[in-house]
């Protein structure tokens, strides 16, 4: 996991249990602090950034099946009513490959294109005068490439064999 934990206030708890009449009386008597309620926020932390979880399983054929959970979470913009807006993308899948082989995961995270036109409006629409105006085109693309190469740290059973069990073939001694 890479990134940071971002605090988000999900709820708040008010510890005031006074009725409005008692609260008004306490304020009038000079006990304003008693009449005020105390809000206790409830905070939930969200992981921002890239989170990658891989659960490997070695098959009898020496292939490795990887269950991948890839999640990208980021702040999308300013908060709305004090709650930040998050953007989230997620991929879940199973990759089966030989140990030592490399799998490539590729994704376009964002794409942005801007176009600026300088010159007299409408001139570029006249045939033969398109080159008089200055057109600037800009493209920005953010891509994510993840390379996954599994390896087996310990050997499995020989091919075609199931786990071996010890069998005692001796007969108990008779009394």
N, C-alpha and C. Protein backbone atom coordinates (compact mmCIF):
# COMPACT_ATOMS: atom_id res chain seq x y z
N UNK A 1 0.84 -1.16 0.00
CA UNK A 1 0.00 0.00 0.00
C UNK A 1 0.89 1.23 0.00
N UNK A 2 0.52 2.22 -0.79
CA UNK A 2 1.25 3.46 -0.87
C UNK A 2 0.24 4.59 -0.77
N UNK A 3 0.55 5.62 -0.04
CA UNK A 3 -0.38 6.73 0.07
C UNK A 3 -0.47 7.20 1.50
N UNK A 4 -1.56 7.84 1.83
CA UNK A 4 -1.75 8.39 3.16
C UNK A 4 -3.17 8.11 3.63
N UNK A 5 -3.34 8.23 4.94
CA UNK A 5 -4.68 8.05 5.53
C UNK A 5 -5.27 9.44 5.72
N UNK A 6 -6.48 9.64 5.19
CA UNK A 6 -7.13 10.95 5.21
C UNK A 6 -8.33 10.90 6.15
N UNK A 7 -8.40 11.80 7.14
CA UNK A 7 -9.53 11.75 8.08
C UNK A 7 -10.79 12.37 7.48
N UNK A 8 -11.92 11.69 7.66
CA UNK A 8 -13.21 12.17 7.18
C UNK A 8 -14.19 12.10 8.35
N UNK A 9 -14.84 13.23 8.63
CA UNK A 9 -15.85 13.24 9.69
C UNK A 9 -17.14 12.65 9.13
N UNK A 10 -17.55 11.51 9.66
CA UNK A 10 -18.73 10.82 9.15
C UNK A 10 -19.99 11.14 9.95
N UNK A 11 -19.83 11.53 11.20
CA UNK A 11 -20.98 11.85 12.04
C UNK A 11 -20.49 12.64 13.24
N UNK A 12 -21.43 13.22 13.97
CA UNK A 12 -21.07 13.86 15.22
C UNK A 12 -22.13 13.52 16.26
N UNK A 13 -21.68 13.42 17.48
CA UNK A 13 -22.55 13.03 18.59
C UNK A 13 -22.68 14.23 19.52
N UNK A 14 -23.87 14.58 19.87
CA UNK A 14 -24.12 15.69 20.78
C UNK A 14 -24.39 15.12 22.17
N UNK A 15 -23.66 15.63 23.15
CA UNK A 15 -23.82 15.12 24.51
C UNK A 15 -24.87 15.89 25.30
N UNK A 16 -25.56 16.83 24.69
CA UNK A 16 -26.58 17.62 25.40
C UNK A 16 -27.83 16.79 25.60
N UNK A 17 -28.29 16.76 26.85
CA UNK A 17 -29.53 16.05 27.16
C UNK A 17 -30.54 16.98 27.82
N UNK A 18 -30.26 18.29 27.80
CA UNK A 18 -31.15 19.25 28.44
C UNK A 18 -32.30 19.60 27.52
N UNK A 19 -33.46 19.79 28.10
CA UNK A 19 -34.62 20.23 27.32
C UNK A 19 -34.43 21.71 26.97
N UNK A 20 -35.12 22.22 25.95
CA UNK A 20 -34.98 23.63 25.58
C UNK A 20 -35.32 24.57 26.74
N UNK A 21 -36.31 24.24 27.56
CA UNK A 21 -36.70 25.11 28.68
C UNK A 21 -35.59 25.17 29.73
N UNK A 22 -35.01 24.02 30.05
CA UNK A 22 -33.93 24.00 31.04
C UNK A 22 -32.70 24.70 30.49
N UNK A 23 -32.43 24.51 29.20
CA UNK A 23 -31.29 25.16 28.57
C UNK A 23 -31.43 26.68 28.61
N UNK A 24 -32.64 27.19 28.33
CA UNK A 24 -32.88 28.64 28.37
C UNK A 24 -32.75 29.16 29.79
N UNK A 25 -33.23 28.41 30.76
CA UNK A 25 -33.14 28.82 32.16
C UNK A 25 -31.69 28.84 32.62
N UNK A 26 -30.89 27.86 32.19
CA UNK A 26 -29.48 27.81 32.57
C UNK A 26 -28.72 28.98 31.96
N UNK A 27 -29.05 29.35 30.74
CA UNK A 27 -28.40 30.48 30.09
C UNK A 27 -28.77 31.78 30.81
N UNK A 28 -30.04 31.94 31.17
CA UNK A 28 -30.50 33.15 31.85
C UNK A 28 -29.87 33.27 33.24
N UNK A 29 -29.60 32.15 33.89
CA UNK A 29 -29.03 32.17 35.24
C UNK A 29 -27.52 32.35 35.21
N UNK A 30 -26.92 32.43 34.02
CA UNK A 30 -25.47 32.62 33.95
C UNK A 30 -24.68 31.34 33.81
N UNK A 31 -25.37 30.25 33.64
CA UNK A 31 -24.69 28.96 33.45
C UNK A 31 -24.74 28.57 31.97
N UNK A 32 -24.23 29.45 31.11
CA UNK A 32 -24.28 29.23 29.66
C UNK A 32 -23.51 28.01 29.23
N UNK A 33 -22.41 27.72 29.94
CA UNK A 33 -21.60 26.56 29.56
C UNK A 33 -22.37 25.26 29.77
N UNK A 34 -23.25 25.27 30.78
CA UNK A 34 -24.06 24.09 31.04
C UNK A 34 -25.09 23.89 29.93
N UNK A 35 -25.57 25.01 29.38
CA UNK A 35 -26.61 24.92 28.37
C UNK A 35 -26.07 24.54 27.00
N UNK A 36 -24.77 24.74 26.78
CA UNK A 36 -24.21 24.44 25.46
C UNK A 36 -23.96 22.94 25.32
N UNK A 37 -24.24 22.45 24.14
CA UNK A 37 -23.99 21.03 23.91
C UNK A 37 -22.58 20.86 23.36
N UNK A 38 -22.00 19.74 23.64
CA UNK A 38 -20.66 19.43 23.16
C UNK A 38 -20.79 18.41 22.04
N UNK A 39 -20.31 18.76 20.85
CA UNK A 39 -20.34 17.85 19.72
C UNK A 39 -19.06 17.04 19.68
N UNK A 40 -19.21 15.75 19.58
CA UNK A 40 -18.06 14.85 19.49
C UNK A 40 -18.08 14.25 18.09
N UNK A 41 -17.07 14.57 17.27
CA UNK A 41 -17.08 14.04 15.90
C UNK A 41 -16.66 12.58 15.84
N UNK A 42 -17.21 11.87 14.89
CA UNK A 42 -16.80 10.49 14.61
C UNK A 42 -15.96 10.55 13.34
N UNK A 43 -14.73 10.07 13.42
CA UNK A 43 -13.78 10.17 12.32
C UNK A 43 -13.54 8.79 11.72
N UNK A 44 -13.56 8.74 10.40
CA UNK A 44 -13.21 7.52 9.66
C UNK A 44 -12.03 7.87 8.76
N UNK A 45 -11.02 7.03 8.73
CA UNK A 45 -9.84 7.28 7.92
C UNK A 45 -9.93 6.48 6.63
N UNK A 46 -9.70 7.16 5.51
CA UNK A 46 -9.70 6.53 4.20
C UNK A 46 -8.27 6.47 3.68
N UNK A 47 -7.90 5.35 3.08
CA UNK A 47 -6.58 5.23 2.48
C UNK A 47 -6.59 5.89 1.11
N UNK A 48 -5.77 6.90 0.94
CA UNK A 48 -5.64 7.57 -0.35
C UNK A 48 -4.40 7.03 -1.04
N UNK A 49 -4.46 6.95 -2.35
CA UNK A 49 -3.33 6.47 -3.12
C UNK A 49 -3.64 5.11 -3.71
N UNK A 50 -2.61 4.33 -3.90
CA UNK A 50 -2.71 3.02 -4.55
C UNK A 50 -2.65 1.92 -3.50
N UNK A 51 -3.62 1.03 -3.53
CA UNK A 51 -3.64 -0.14 -2.66
C UNK A 51 -3.69 -1.38 -3.54
N UNK A 52 -2.71 -2.26 -3.39
CA UNK A 52 -2.65 -3.49 -4.19
C UNK A 52 -2.55 -4.67 -3.24
N UNK A 53 -3.51 -5.58 -3.36
CA UNK A 53 -3.50 -6.81 -2.57
C UNK A 53 -3.43 -7.98 -3.54
N UNK A 54 -2.53 -8.92 -3.28
CA UNK A 54 -2.39 -10.10 -4.13
C UNK A 54 -2.42 -11.34 -3.25
N UNK A 55 -3.29 -12.29 -3.60
CA UNK A 55 -3.38 -13.56 -2.88
C UNK A 55 -2.98 -14.67 -3.86
N UNK A 56 -1.79 -15.24 -3.66
CA UNK A 56 -1.32 -16.27 -4.59
C UNK A 56 -1.82 -17.66 -4.20
N UNK A 57 -1.93 -18.51 -5.20
CA UNK A 57 -2.25 -19.92 -4.98
C UNK A 57 -1.45 -20.71 -6.01
N UNK A 58 -0.61 -21.63 -5.51
CA UNK A 58 0.22 -22.45 -6.40
C UNK A 58 -0.59 -23.68 -6.80
N UNK A 59 -0.73 -23.89 -8.09
CA UNK A 59 -1.48 -25.01 -8.62
C UNK A 59 -0.55 -26.22 -8.76
N UNK A 60 -1.13 -27.39 -8.95
CA UNK A 60 -0.31 -28.60 -9.13
C UNK A 60 0.55 -28.54 -10.38
N UNK A 61 0.10 -27.80 -11.37
CA UNK A 61 0.85 -27.71 -12.63
C UNK A 61 1.98 -26.69 -12.53
N UNK A 62 2.28 -26.21 -11.32
CA UNK A 62 3.30 -25.20 -11.07
C UNK A 62 2.88 -23.81 -11.56
N UNK A 63 1.64 -23.67 -12.03
CA UNK A 63 1.13 -22.34 -12.36
C UNK A 63 0.80 -21.62 -11.06
N UNK A 64 0.77 -20.30 -11.13
CA UNK A 64 0.41 -19.48 -9.98
C UNK A 64 -0.84 -18.70 -10.34
N UNK A 65 -1.88 -18.86 -9.52
CA UNK A 65 -3.12 -18.09 -9.70
C UNK A 65 -3.08 -16.95 -8.70
N UNK A 66 -3.08 -15.72 -9.22
CA UNK A 66 -3.05 -14.53 -8.37
C UNK A 66 -4.41 -13.86 -8.39
N UNK A 67 -5.01 -13.72 -7.22
CA UNK A 67 -6.22 -12.92 -7.11
C UNK A 67 -5.77 -11.52 -6.74
N UNK A 68 -6.01 -10.56 -7.63
CA UNK A 68 -5.55 -9.20 -7.44
C UNK A 68 -6.71 -8.27 -7.10
N UNK A 69 -6.50 -7.42 -6.13
CA UNK A 69 -7.42 -6.33 -5.79
C UNK A 69 -6.60 -5.05 -5.86
N UNK A 70 -6.90 -4.22 -6.84
CA UNK A 70 -6.19 -2.96 -7.05
C UNK A 70 -7.18 -1.82 -6.87
N UNK A 71 -6.84 -0.87 -6.01
CA UNK A 71 -7.75 0.25 -5.74
C UNK A 71 -6.94 1.54 -5.72
N UNK A 72 -7.46 2.54 -6.43
CA UNK A 72 -6.85 3.87 -6.44
C UNK A 72 -7.90 4.84 -5.93
N UNK A 73 -7.58 5.53 -4.85
CA UNK A 73 -8.52 6.47 -4.26
C UNK A 73 -7.81 7.81 -4.06
N UNK A 74 -8.49 8.91 -4.43
CA UNK A 74 -7.90 10.24 -4.33
C UNK A 74 -8.98 11.27 -4.03
N UNK A 75 -8.53 12.44 -3.60
CA UNK A 75 -9.45 13.55 -3.41
C UNK A 75 -9.85 14.08 -4.78
N UNK A 76 -11.15 14.20 -5.03
CA UNK A 76 -11.63 14.62 -6.35
C UNK A 76 -11.83 16.12 -6.44
N UNK A 77 -12.00 16.78 -5.34
CA UNK A 77 -12.24 18.21 -5.38
C UNK A 77 -12.51 18.74 -4.00
N UNK A 78 -13.02 19.97 -3.93
CA UNK A 78 -13.30 20.57 -2.62
C UNK A 78 -14.41 19.83 -1.90
N UNK A 79 -14.43 20.01 -0.59
CA UNK A 79 -15.42 19.30 0.21
C UNK A 79 -16.79 19.93 0.06
N UNK A 80 -17.80 19.11 0.24
CA UNK A 80 -19.19 19.53 0.18
C UNK A 80 -19.78 19.36 1.57
N UNK A 81 -20.18 20.44 2.22
CA UNK A 81 -20.69 20.43 3.59
C UNK A 81 -19.67 19.84 4.57
N UNK A 82 -18.41 20.11 4.33
CA UNK A 82 -17.36 19.62 5.22
C UNK A 82 -16.95 18.18 4.95
N UNK A 83 -17.57 17.51 4.00
CA UNK A 83 -17.22 16.13 3.67
C UNK A 83 -16.47 16.14 2.34
N UNK A 84 -15.22 15.66 2.31
CA UNK A 84 -14.45 15.70 1.07
C UNK A 84 -15.03 14.74 0.02
N UNK A 85 -14.86 15.11 -1.24
CA UNK A 85 -15.32 14.28 -2.35
C UNK A 85 -14.16 13.41 -2.78
N UNK A 86 -14.38 12.10 -2.76
CA UNK A 86 -13.34 11.14 -3.14
C UNK A 86 -13.67 10.51 -4.48
N UNK A 87 -12.63 10.18 -5.23
CA UNK A 87 -12.80 9.42 -6.45
C UNK A 87 -12.13 8.07 -6.24
N UNK A 88 -12.74 7.04 -6.76
CA UNK A 88 -12.23 5.69 -6.53
C UNK A 88 -12.33 4.87 -7.80
N UNK A 89 -11.26 4.15 -8.09
CA UNK A 89 -11.24 3.19 -9.20
C UNK A 89 -10.75 1.86 -8.63
N UNK A 90 -11.35 0.78 -9.12
CA UNK A 90 -11.01 -0.52 -8.56
C UNK A 90 -10.98 -1.57 -9.65
N UNK A 91 -10.02 -2.51 -9.51
CA UNK A 91 -9.92 -3.66 -10.39
C UNK A 91 -9.78 -4.89 -9.52
N UNK A 92 -10.56 -5.91 -9.81
CA UNK A 92 -10.45 -7.19 -9.14
C UNK A 92 -10.45 -8.26 -10.21
N UNK A 93 -9.50 -9.17 -10.14
CA UNK A 93 -9.43 -10.22 -11.14
C UNK A 93 -8.46 -11.31 -10.72
N UNK A 94 -8.44 -12.38 -11.49
CA UNK A 94 -7.55 -13.50 -11.24
C UNK A 94 -6.64 -13.67 -12.45
N UNK A 95 -5.34 -13.68 -12.20
CA UNK A 95 -4.35 -13.92 -13.24
C UNK A 95 -3.73 -15.29 -13.00
N UNK A 96 -3.67 -16.11 -14.02
CA UNK A 96 -3.02 -17.41 -13.91
C UNK A 96 -1.85 -17.42 -14.87
N UNK A 97 -0.65 -17.68 -14.33
CA UNK A 97 0.56 -17.67 -15.15
C UNK A 97 1.61 -18.57 -14.53
N UNK A 98 2.63 -18.84 -15.29
CA UNK A 98 3.74 -19.64 -14.80
C UNK A 98 4.60 -18.79 -13.87
N UNK A 99 5.24 -19.43 -12.91
CA UNK A 99 6.15 -18.72 -12.02
C UNK A 99 7.29 -18.15 -12.86
N UNK A 100 7.62 -16.90 -12.62
CA UNK A 100 8.68 -16.23 -13.36
C UNK A 100 8.19 -15.44 -14.56
N UNK A 101 6.96 -15.70 -15.03
CA UNK A 101 6.41 -14.91 -16.13
C UNK A 101 5.89 -13.59 -15.58
N UNK A 102 5.83 -12.59 -16.45
CA UNK A 102 5.38 -11.26 -16.04
C UNK A 102 4.06 -10.91 -16.71
N UNK A 103 3.12 -10.43 -15.92
CA UNK A 103 1.84 -9.93 -16.43
C UNK A 103 1.86 -8.41 -16.34
N UNK A 104 1.24 -7.76 -17.32
CA UNK A 104 1.20 -6.30 -17.37
C UNK A 104 -0.25 -5.84 -17.19
N UNK A 105 -0.49 -4.99 -16.21
CA UNK A 105 -1.79 -4.34 -16.02
C UNK A 105 -1.61 -2.89 -16.44
N UNK A 106 -2.48 -2.42 -17.34
CA UNK A 106 -2.33 -1.09 -17.92
C UNK A 106 -3.67 -0.37 -17.84
N UNK A 107 -3.65 0.89 -17.43
CA UNK A 107 -4.90 1.65 -17.33
C UNK A 107 -4.64 3.12 -17.57
N UNK A 108 -5.56 3.77 -18.28
CA UNK A 108 -5.55 5.23 -18.39
C UNK A 108 -6.31 5.77 -17.18
N UNK A 109 -5.61 6.52 -16.34
CA UNK A 109 -6.26 7.06 -15.15
C UNK A 109 -7.06 8.31 -15.47
N UNK A 110 -6.49 9.17 -16.30
CA UNK A 110 -7.21 10.38 -16.69
C UNK A 110 -6.70 10.86 -18.04
N UNK A 111 -7.56 11.57 -18.74
CA UNK A 111 -7.22 12.12 -20.04
C UNK A 111 -7.82 13.51 -20.13
N UNK A 112 -6.99 14.46 -20.55
CA UNK A 112 -7.45 15.83 -20.64
C UNK A 112 -6.93 16.44 -21.93
N UNK A 113 -7.80 17.14 -22.64
CA UNK A 113 -7.40 17.79 -23.88
C UNK A 113 -7.88 19.23 -23.85
N UNK A 114 -6.97 20.16 -24.16
CA UNK A 114 -7.32 21.57 -24.22
C UNK A 114 -6.95 22.11 -25.59
N UNK A 115 -7.74 23.06 -26.04
CA UNK A 115 -7.51 23.66 -27.35
C UNK A 115 -7.69 25.17 -27.22
N UNK A 116 -6.69 25.91 -27.66
CA UNK A 116 -6.74 27.37 -27.60
C UNK A 116 -6.64 27.91 -29.03
N UNK A 117 -7.49 28.87 -29.34
CA UNK A 117 -7.54 29.47 -30.68
C UNK A 117 -7.28 30.96 -30.53
N UNK A 118 -6.24 31.44 -31.19
CA UNK A 118 -5.88 32.86 -31.16
C UNK A 118 -6.11 33.47 -32.54
N UNK A 119 -6.71 34.63 -32.60
CA UNK A 119 -6.95 35.31 -33.87
C UNK A 119 -8.36 35.85 -33.92
N UNK A 120 -8.76 36.27 -35.10
CA UNK A 120 -10.09 36.84 -35.31
C UNK A 120 -11.13 35.72 -35.34
N UNK A 121 -12.22 35.87 -34.62
CA UNK A 121 -13.27 34.85 -34.64
C UNK A 121 -13.86 34.72 -36.05
N UNK A 122 -14.04 33.49 -36.48
CA UNK A 122 -14.65 33.20 -37.78
C UNK A 122 -13.68 33.15 -38.93
N UNK A 123 -12.45 33.67 -38.77
CA UNK A 123 -11.48 33.67 -39.87
C UNK A 123 -11.07 32.25 -40.23
N UNK A 124 -10.94 31.39 -39.23
CA UNK A 124 -10.50 30.02 -39.52
C UNK A 124 -11.57 29.23 -40.26
N UNK A 125 -12.81 29.72 -40.29
CA UNK A 125 -13.88 29.03 -41.01
C UNK A 125 -13.88 29.36 -42.50
N UNK A 126 -13.16 30.38 -42.94
CA UNK A 126 -13.11 30.78 -44.35
C UNK A 126 -12.08 29.90 -45.06
N UNK A 127 -12.46 29.24 -46.15
CA UNK A 127 -11.51 28.38 -46.87
C UNK A 127 -10.27 29.17 -47.30
N UNK A 128 -9.10 28.57 -47.05
CA UNK A 128 -7.83 29.18 -47.41
C UNK A 128 -7.24 30.06 -46.33
N UNK A 129 -7.99 30.41 -45.32
CA UNK A 129 -7.49 31.29 -44.26
C UNK A 129 -7.33 30.56 -42.92
N UNK A 130 -7.35 29.24 -42.95
CA UNK A 130 -7.23 28.47 -41.71
C UNK A 130 -5.86 28.65 -41.06
N UNK A 131 -4.82 28.93 -41.87
CA UNK A 131 -3.47 29.03 -41.33
C UNK A 131 -3.19 30.39 -40.69
N UNK A 132 -4.08 31.36 -40.84
CA UNK A 132 -3.86 32.68 -40.25
C UNK A 132 -4.04 32.62 -38.73
N UNK A 133 -4.95 31.82 -38.27
CA UNK A 133 -5.19 31.72 -36.83
C UNK A 133 -4.19 30.75 -36.21
N UNK A 134 -3.93 30.96 -34.94
CA UNK A 134 -2.98 30.13 -34.20
C UNK A 134 -3.79 29.16 -33.33
N UNK A 135 -3.62 27.88 -33.57
CA UNK A 135 -4.33 26.85 -32.80
C UNK A 135 -3.30 26.10 -31.95
N UNK A 136 -3.55 26.07 -30.65
CA UNK A 136 -2.68 25.33 -29.74
C UNK A 136 -3.48 24.18 -29.14
N UNK A 137 -2.95 22.99 -29.29
CA UNK A 137 -3.61 21.79 -28.79
C UNK A 137 -2.70 21.15 -27.75
N UNK A 138 -3.26 20.82 -26.61
CA UNK A 138 -2.50 20.20 -25.53
C UNK A 138 -3.26 18.98 -25.03
N UNK A 139 -2.54 17.89 -24.88
CA UNK A 139 -3.14 16.66 -24.36
C UNK A 139 -2.32 16.17 -23.18
N UNK A 140 -3.00 15.81 -22.11
CA UNK A 140 -2.36 15.22 -20.93
C UNK A 140 -3.06 13.91 -20.62
N UNK A 141 -2.27 12.86 -20.50
CA UNK A 141 -2.81 11.54 -20.17
C UNK A 141 -1.99 10.98 -19.01
N UNK A 142 -2.68 10.53 -17.97
CA UNK A 142 -2.02 9.87 -16.84
C UNK A 142 -2.31 8.38 -16.95
N UNK A 143 -1.25 7.60 -16.97
CA UNK A 143 -1.39 6.14 -17.12
C UNK A 143 -0.75 5.42 -15.94
N UNK A 144 -1.29 4.26 -15.66
CA UNK A 144 -0.74 3.40 -14.61
C UNK A 144 -0.35 2.08 -15.25
N UNK A 145 0.89 1.67 -15.01
CA UNK A 145 1.37 0.37 -15.50
C UNK A 145 1.88 -0.40 -14.28
N UNK A 146 1.34 -1.60 -14.08
CA UNK A 146 1.76 -2.47 -12.98
C UNK A 146 2.28 -3.76 -13.59
N UNK A 147 3.50 -4.14 -13.23
CA UNK A 147 4.10 -5.40 -13.67
C UNK A 147 4.08 -6.37 -12.49
N UNK A 148 3.58 -7.57 -12.72
CA UNK A 148 3.47 -8.58 -11.66
C UNK A 148 4.23 -9.82 -12.12
N UNK A 149 5.21 -10.26 -11.32
CA UNK A 149 5.98 -11.46 -11.62
C UNK A 149 5.97 -12.36 -10.39
N UNK A 150 5.19 -13.44 -10.40
CA UNK A 150 5.18 -14.34 -9.24
C UNK A 150 6.39 -15.28 -9.26
N UNK A 151 6.81 -15.67 -8.08
CA UNK A 151 7.86 -16.69 -7.95
C UNK A 151 7.47 -17.60 -6.79
N UNK A 152 7.89 -18.84 -6.89
CA UNK A 152 7.57 -19.84 -5.86
C UNK A 152 8.75 -19.91 -4.91
N UNK A 153 8.50 -19.65 -3.63
CA UNK A 153 9.57 -19.63 -2.64
C UNK A 153 9.94 -21.03 -2.17
N UNK A 154 9.01 -21.97 -2.22
CA UNK A 154 9.31 -23.35 -1.83
C UNK A 154 8.66 -24.28 -2.84
N UNK A 155 9.23 -25.43 -2.98
CA UNK A 155 8.74 -26.39 -3.98
C UNK A 155 7.44 -27.04 -3.51
N UNK A 156 6.60 -27.37 -4.45
CA UNK A 156 5.37 -28.10 -4.15
C UNK A 156 5.63 -29.59 -4.33
N UNK A 157 4.60 -30.38 -4.22
CA UNK A 157 4.72 -31.82 -4.42
C UNK A 157 5.09 -32.11 -5.88
N UNK A 158 5.74 -33.26 -6.14
CA UNK A 158 6.03 -33.62 -7.53
C UNK A 158 4.74 -33.67 -8.35
N UNK A 159 4.85 -33.38 -9.64
CA UNK A 159 3.68 -33.35 -10.51
C UNK A 159 2.94 -34.68 -10.48
N UNK A 160 1.63 -34.61 -10.37
CA UNK A 160 0.81 -35.81 -10.39
C UNK A 160 0.67 -36.49 -9.05
N UNK A 161 1.35 -36.00 -8.02
CA UNK A 161 1.27 -36.62 -6.70
C UNK A 161 0.44 -35.75 -5.77
N UNK A 162 -0.29 -36.42 -4.90
CA UNK A 162 -1.01 -35.69 -3.86
C UNK A 162 -0.12 -35.66 -2.62
N UNK A 163 -0.47 -34.89 -1.61
CA UNK A 163 0.35 -34.88 -0.39
C UNK A 163 0.49 -36.29 0.17
N UNK A 164 1.71 -36.62 0.59
CA UNK A 164 1.98 -37.98 1.07
C UNK A 164 1.68 -38.08 2.56
N UNK A 165 1.08 -39.20 2.94
CA UNK A 165 0.78 -39.47 4.34
C UNK A 165 1.57 -40.69 4.79
N UNK A 166 2.02 -40.66 6.03
CA UNK A 166 2.76 -41.78 6.59
C UNK A 166 1.77 -42.88 6.96
N UNK A 167 2.02 -44.08 6.50
CA UNK A 167 1.14 -45.21 6.79
C UNK A 167 1.94 -46.23 7.60
N UNK A 168 1.42 -46.60 8.76
CA UNK A 168 2.08 -47.58 9.62
C UNK A 168 1.58 -48.96 9.23
N UNK A 169 2.47 -49.80 8.72
CA UNK A 169 2.07 -51.14 8.28
C UNK A 169 2.40 -52.23 9.30
N UNK A 170 2.96 -51.87 10.42
CA UNK A 170 3.28 -52.88 11.43
C UNK A 170 2.01 -53.30 12.15
N UNK A 171 1.96 -54.56 12.54
CA UNK A 171 0.80 -55.06 13.28
C UNK A 171 1.11 -55.00 14.76
N UNK A 172 0.11 -54.71 15.56
CA UNK A 172 0.36 -54.64 17.00
C UNK A 172 0.71 -56.03 17.54
N UNK A 173 1.58 -56.05 18.52
CA UNK A 173 2.00 -57.32 19.14
C UNK A 173 0.84 -57.90 19.93
N UNK A 174 0.65 -59.22 19.82
CA UNK A 174 -0.44 -59.86 20.54
C UNK A 174 0.02 -60.22 21.94
N UNK A 175 -0.88 -60.21 22.87
CA UNK A 175 -0.56 -60.48 24.28
C UNK A 175 -0.69 -61.91 24.58
